[in-house]
N, C-alpha and C. Protein backbone atom coordinates (compact mmCIF):
# COMPACT_ATOMS: atom_id res chain seq x y z
N MET A 1 -10.37 20.97 -24.33
CA MET A 1 -9.69 20.02 -24.32
C MET A 1 -9.31 19.93 -22.66
N CYS A 2 -9.28 18.77 -22.10
CA CYS A 2 -8.16 18.17 -21.11
C CYS A 2 -7.61 17.18 -21.28
N ASP A 3 -6.50 16.88 -20.21
CA ASP A 3 -5.80 15.93 -20.09
C ASP A 3 -6.26 14.94 -19.77
N LYS A 4 -6.50 13.95 -20.62
CA LYS A 4 -7.65 12.69 -20.05
C LYS A 4 -6.64 12.16 -19.12
N SER A 5 -5.61 11.79 -18.81
CA SER A 5 -4.92 10.50 -18.37
C SER A 5 -4.90 11.18 -16.49
N LYS A 6 -5.31 12.34 -16.53
CA LYS A 6 -5.83 12.79 -14.92
C LYS A 6 -7.13 12.71 -14.70
N TYR A 7 -7.82 11.57 -15.46
CA TYR A 7 -8.84 12.06 -14.84
C TYR A 7 -9.70 10.38 -14.87
N ILE A 8 -10.93 10.25 -14.03
CA ILE A 8 -11.65 8.64 -13.81
C ILE A 8 -11.60 8.11 -15.35
N THR A 9 -12.39 8.59 -16.39
CA THR A 9 -12.65 7.94 -17.43
C THR A 9 -12.45 9.44 -18.54
N THR A 10 -12.42 8.70 -19.78
CA THR A 10 -11.99 9.48 -20.52
C THR A 10 -13.67 10.58 -21.32
N MET A 11 -14.40 9.84 -20.46
CA MET A 11 -15.58 10.56 -20.58
C MET A 11 -16.28 12.07 -19.78
N GLU A 12 -15.43 12.04 -18.77
CA GLU A 12 -15.68 12.92 -18.03
C GLU A 12 -14.55 13.82 -18.15
N CYS A 13 -13.94 15.04 -17.76
CA CYS A 13 -13.09 16.00 -17.06
C CYS A 13 -12.95 16.67 -15.84
N LYS A 14 -13.68 15.69 -15.47
CA LYS A 14 -13.16 15.92 -13.56
C LYS A 14 -11.92 15.29 -13.19
N PRO A 15 -11.81 15.96 -12.20
CA PRO A 15 -9.99 15.99 -11.83
C PRO A 15 -10.22 15.03 -10.89
N LEU A 16 -9.66 13.63 -10.88
CA LEU A 16 -9.02 12.44 -9.90
C LEU A 16 -9.01 13.01 -8.32
N LYS A 17 -9.84 12.83 -7.28
CA LYS A 17 -9.23 13.14 -6.54
C LYS A 17 -9.33 12.48 -4.89
N ILE A 18 -8.38 12.32 -4.22
CA ILE A 18 -7.72 11.56 -3.24
C ILE A 18 -8.36 12.20 -1.75
N LYS A 19 -9.44 11.59 -1.38
CA LYS A 19 -9.71 12.10 0.04
C LYS A 19 -8.58 11.74 0.98
N LYS A 20 -8.66 13.30 1.88
CA LYS A 20 -7.57 12.71 2.78
C LYS A 20 -7.58 11.16 3.65
N GLU A 21 -8.85 10.93 3.81
CA GLU A 21 -9.38 9.75 4.57
C GLU A 21 -8.54 8.66 3.89
N SER A 22 -8.90 8.27 2.43
CA SER A 22 -7.76 7.56 2.05
C SER A 22 -6.17 7.55 1.77
N VAL A 23 -5.68 8.94 2.09
CA VAL A 23 -4.48 9.09 2.53
C VAL A 23 -3.82 8.18 3.20
N HIS A 24 -4.87 8.41 4.68
CA HIS A 24 -4.42 8.32 6.04
C HIS A 24 -5.11 6.79 6.00
N THR A 25 -5.65 5.99 5.48
CA THR A 25 -5.69 4.79 5.28
C THR A 25 -4.33 4.39 4.53
N ILE A 26 -4.12 4.83 3.69
CA ILE A 26 -2.55 4.38 2.74
C ILE A 26 -1.49 4.52 3.78
N ARG A 27 -1.11 5.39 4.40
CA ARG A 27 -0.16 5.44 5.60
C ARG A 27 -0.26 4.11 6.68
N LEU A 28 -1.84 4.53 7.03
CA LEU A 28 -1.94 3.18 8.29
C LEU A 28 -1.71 1.97 7.92
N ILE A 29 -2.18 1.53 6.40
CA ILE A 29 -1.71 0.09 6.25
C ILE A 29 -0.14 -0.05 6.11
N GLY A 30 0.38 1.01 5.42
CA GLY A 30 1.93 0.73 5.41
C GLY A 30 2.68 0.51 6.65
N GLY A 31 2.16 1.56 8.00
CA GLY A 31 2.70 1.60 9.07
C GLY A 31 2.38 -0.12 9.45
N ASN A 32 1.26 -0.53 9.17
CA ASN A 32 0.96 -2.11 9.98
C ASN A 32 1.80 -2.80 9.14
N ILE A 33 1.84 -2.78 7.89
CA ILE A 33 2.96 -3.91 7.34
C ILE A 33 4.50 -3.38 7.67
N ALA A 34 5.12 -2.59 8.08
CA ALA A 34 6.10 -1.81 8.62
C ALA A 34 6.09 -2.79 10.01
N HIS A 35 5.07 -2.59 10.86
CA HIS A 35 5.13 -3.27 12.49
C HIS A 35 5.29 -5.13 11.91
N MET A 36 4.26 -5.22 11.48
CA MET A 36 4.36 -6.45 11.47
C MET A 36 5.75 -7.01 10.89
N ARG A 37 6.54 -6.56 10.01
CA ARG A 37 7.86 -6.51 9.00
C ARG A 37 9.01 -7.01 10.47
N LYS A 38 9.35 -5.67 11.13
CA LYS A 38 9.74 -5.58 12.34
C LYS A 38 9.37 -6.34 13.61
N SER A 39 8.14 -6.73 13.45
CA SER A 39 7.74 -7.25 15.16
C SER A 39 8.60 -8.98 14.77
N ARG A 40 8.39 -9.28 13.56
CA ARG A 40 9.38 -10.65 13.51
C ARG A 40 10.26 -10.48 13.20
N GLY A 41 11.15 -9.37 12.86
CA GLY A 41 12.94 -9.54 12.55
C GLY A 41 13.18 -9.28 10.83
N ILE A 42 12.14 -9.25 10.32
CA ILE A 42 12.09 -9.61 9.08
C ILE A 42 12.82 -8.27 7.88
N SER A 43 14.12 -8.21 7.14
CA SER A 43 14.45 -6.94 6.92
C SER A 43 13.34 -6.38 5.71
N GLN A 44 13.72 -5.49 5.03
CA GLN A 44 12.95 -4.85 3.96
C GLN A 44 13.25 -5.42 2.97
N GLN A 45 14.49 -6.23 3.10
CA GLN A 45 14.61 -6.44 1.21
C GLN A 45 14.35 -8.00 1.44
N ALA A 46 14.01 -8.43 2.60
CA ALA A 46 13.23 -9.70 2.23
C ALA A 46 11.84 -10.09 1.55
N ILE A 47 10.94 -8.54 2.43
CA ILE A 47 9.96 -8.39 1.98
C ILE A 47 9.72 -7.80 0.41
N ALA A 48 10.33 -7.22 0.08
CA ALA A 48 10.78 -6.52 -0.91
C ALA A 48 11.16 -7.94 -2.44
N ASN A 49 12.10 -8.80 -2.04
CA ASN A 49 12.02 -9.89 -2.73
C ASN A 49 10.73 -10.83 -2.48
N LEU A 50 10.16 -10.81 -1.56
CA LEU A 50 8.71 -11.84 -1.59
C LEU A 50 7.61 -11.19 -2.48
N LEU A 51 8.08 -10.19 -2.53
CA LEU A 51 6.72 -8.79 -3.38
C LEU A 51 7.09 -8.51 -4.50
N ASP A 52 8.57 -8.76 -5.09
CA ASP A 52 8.69 -8.89 -6.23
C ASP A 52 8.93 -7.39 -6.86
N VAL A 53 9.11 -6.65 -5.83
CA VAL A 53 9.28 -5.20 -6.01
C VAL A 53 11.43 -4.36 -5.26
N SER A 54 11.47 -3.47 -5.73
CA SER A 54 12.30 -2.54 -5.06
C SER A 54 11.98 -2.79 -4.16
N PHE A 55 13.18 -2.84 -3.10
CA PHE A 55 13.53 -2.20 -1.68
C PHE A 55 13.00 -0.61 -1.76
N GLN A 56 13.21 -0.21 -2.75
CA GLN A 56 12.88 0.91 -2.42
C GLN A 56 10.97 1.84 -2.28
N GLN A 57 10.31 0.57 -3.60
CA GLN A 57 8.82 0.40 -3.29
C GLN A 57 8.80 0.00 -1.89
N LEU A 58 9.24 -1.08 -1.60
CA LEU A 58 8.48 -1.20 -0.11
C LEU A 58 8.35 -0.20 1.29
N GLN A 59 9.48 0.47 0.51
CA GLN A 59 9.55 2.03 1.19
C GLN A 59 8.88 2.71 1.77
N LYS A 60 8.32 2.85 -0.14
CA LYS A 60 7.60 3.64 -0.51
C LYS A 60 5.90 3.12 0.22
N TYR A 61 5.50 1.79 0.56
CA TYR A 61 4.60 1.07 0.81
C TYR A 61 4.62 1.39 2.14
N GLU A 62 5.81 1.39 2.71
CA GLU A 62 5.44 1.24 4.46
C GLU A 62 5.52 2.70 4.84
N ASN A 63 5.83 3.68 4.30
CA ASN A 63 5.92 5.49 4.47
C ASN A 63 4.40 5.37 4.23
N GLY A 64 3.38 4.70 3.33
CA GLY A 64 2.37 5.43 2.68
C GLY A 64 2.39 6.29 1.78
N THR A 65 3.77 6.38 0.60
CA THR A 65 3.41 7.09 0.24
C THR A 65 3.30 6.46 -1.62
N ASN A 66 3.35 5.34 -1.58
CA ASN A 66 2.30 4.69 -2.85
C ASN A 66 1.44 3.66 -1.87
N ARG A 67 0.37 3.28 -3.03
CA ARG A 67 -0.47 2.64 -2.72
C ARG A 67 -0.06 0.77 -2.60
N ILE A 68 -0.55 0.18 -1.77
CA ILE A 68 0.30 -1.47 -2.04
C ILE A 68 -1.21 -2.04 -2.90
N SER A 69 -1.20 -3.17 -3.54
CA SER A 69 -2.22 -3.68 -4.73
C SER A 69 -2.60 -4.50 -3.60
N ALA A 70 -3.71 -4.97 -4.14
CA ALA A 70 -4.51 -6.14 -3.83
C ALA A 70 -4.05 -7.32 -3.38
N ASP A 71 -3.20 -7.39 -4.83
CA ASP A 71 -2.47 -9.10 -4.61
C ASP A 71 -1.38 -9.25 -4.02
N LYS A 72 -0.79 -7.89 -3.69
CA LYS A 72 0.87 -7.90 -2.95
C LYS A 72 0.06 -8.00 -1.25
N LEU A 73 -0.95 -7.28 -1.32
CA LEU A 73 -1.86 -7.65 0.67
C LEU A 73 -1.97 -8.96 0.36
N HIS A 74 -2.48 -9.83 -0.42
CA HIS A 74 -2.80 -10.80 0.00
C HIS A 74 -1.29 -11.77 0.67
N VAL A 75 -0.33 -11.42 -0.80
CA VAL A 75 0.67 -12.09 -0.40
C VAL A 75 1.47 -11.86 1.31
N LEU A 76 0.98 -10.91 1.43
CA LEU A 76 1.82 -10.68 2.89
C LEU A 76 0.93 -11.37 3.63
N LYS A 77 -0.51 -11.33 3.50
CA LYS A 77 -1.32 -11.92 4.52
C LYS A 77 -1.15 -13.20 4.47
N LEU A 78 -0.90 -13.91 3.63
CA LEU A 78 -0.32 -15.50 3.18
C LEU A 78 0.88 -15.91 4.39
N TYR A 79 1.90 -14.69 3.96
CA TYR A 79 3.34 -14.90 4.63
C TYR A 79 3.05 -14.61 6.07
N PHE A 80 2.64 -13.64 6.40
CA PHE A 80 2.30 -13.02 7.85
C PHE A 80 1.48 -14.01 8.39
N LYS A 81 0.74 -15.18 7.89
CA LYS A 81 -0.41 -15.39 8.54
C LYS A 81 -1.22 -14.97 9.67
N VAL A 82 -1.86 -13.53 8.60
CA VAL A 82 -2.90 -12.58 9.81
C VAL A 82 -4.26 -12.45 9.08
N ARG A 83 -5.20 -11.75 9.28
CA ARG A 83 -6.29 -11.77 8.80
C ARG A 83 -6.40 -10.38 7.88
N TYR A 84 -7.04 -10.50 6.98
CA TYR A 84 -6.96 -8.93 6.40
C TYR A 84 -7.31 -7.80 7.13
N ARG A 85 -8.09 -7.98 8.20
CA ARG A 85 -8.38 -6.51 8.94
C ARG A 85 -7.16 -6.44 9.57
N ASP A 86 -6.21 -7.26 10.00
CA ASP A 86 -4.87 -6.72 10.95
C ASP A 86 -3.93 -6.13 10.06
N PHE A 87 -4.60 -5.57 8.85
CA PHE A 87 -3.59 -4.34 7.69
C PHE A 87 -4.38 -3.11 8.41
N PHE A 88 -5.57 -2.96 8.78
CA PHE A 88 -6.18 -2.19 9.05
C PHE A 88 -6.43 -2.01 10.42
N ILE A 89 -5.83 -2.29 11.23
CA ILE A 89 -5.43 -1.94 12.38
C ILE A 89 -5.23 -0.03 12.50
N GLY A 90 -6.18 0.29 13.64
CA GLY A 90 -6.24 1.52 13.94
C GLY A 90 -6.71 2.98 12.92
N LEU A 91 -8.12 2.10 12.13
CA LEU A 91 -8.53 2.67 11.65
C LEU A 91 -10.11 2.97 11.70
């Protein structure tokens, strides 16, 4: 029997693997968020409050340690008044 919490579905026991390209994309998005924030002179705490997350969680998004959800990316899109593709610059 396998530990199903680490797998895609309960029907399969295949490990959920994140491709290197995905890790690169997560870091790229986070870096672009950090760049948008810094270029506008906005603090991490202000963006964390906007997204209703902790300061530490925002740091993880910006460093690419954690993925940012689509709904939080949408909030940032509206706040920064940018296009979705602007989060993927450099991809």
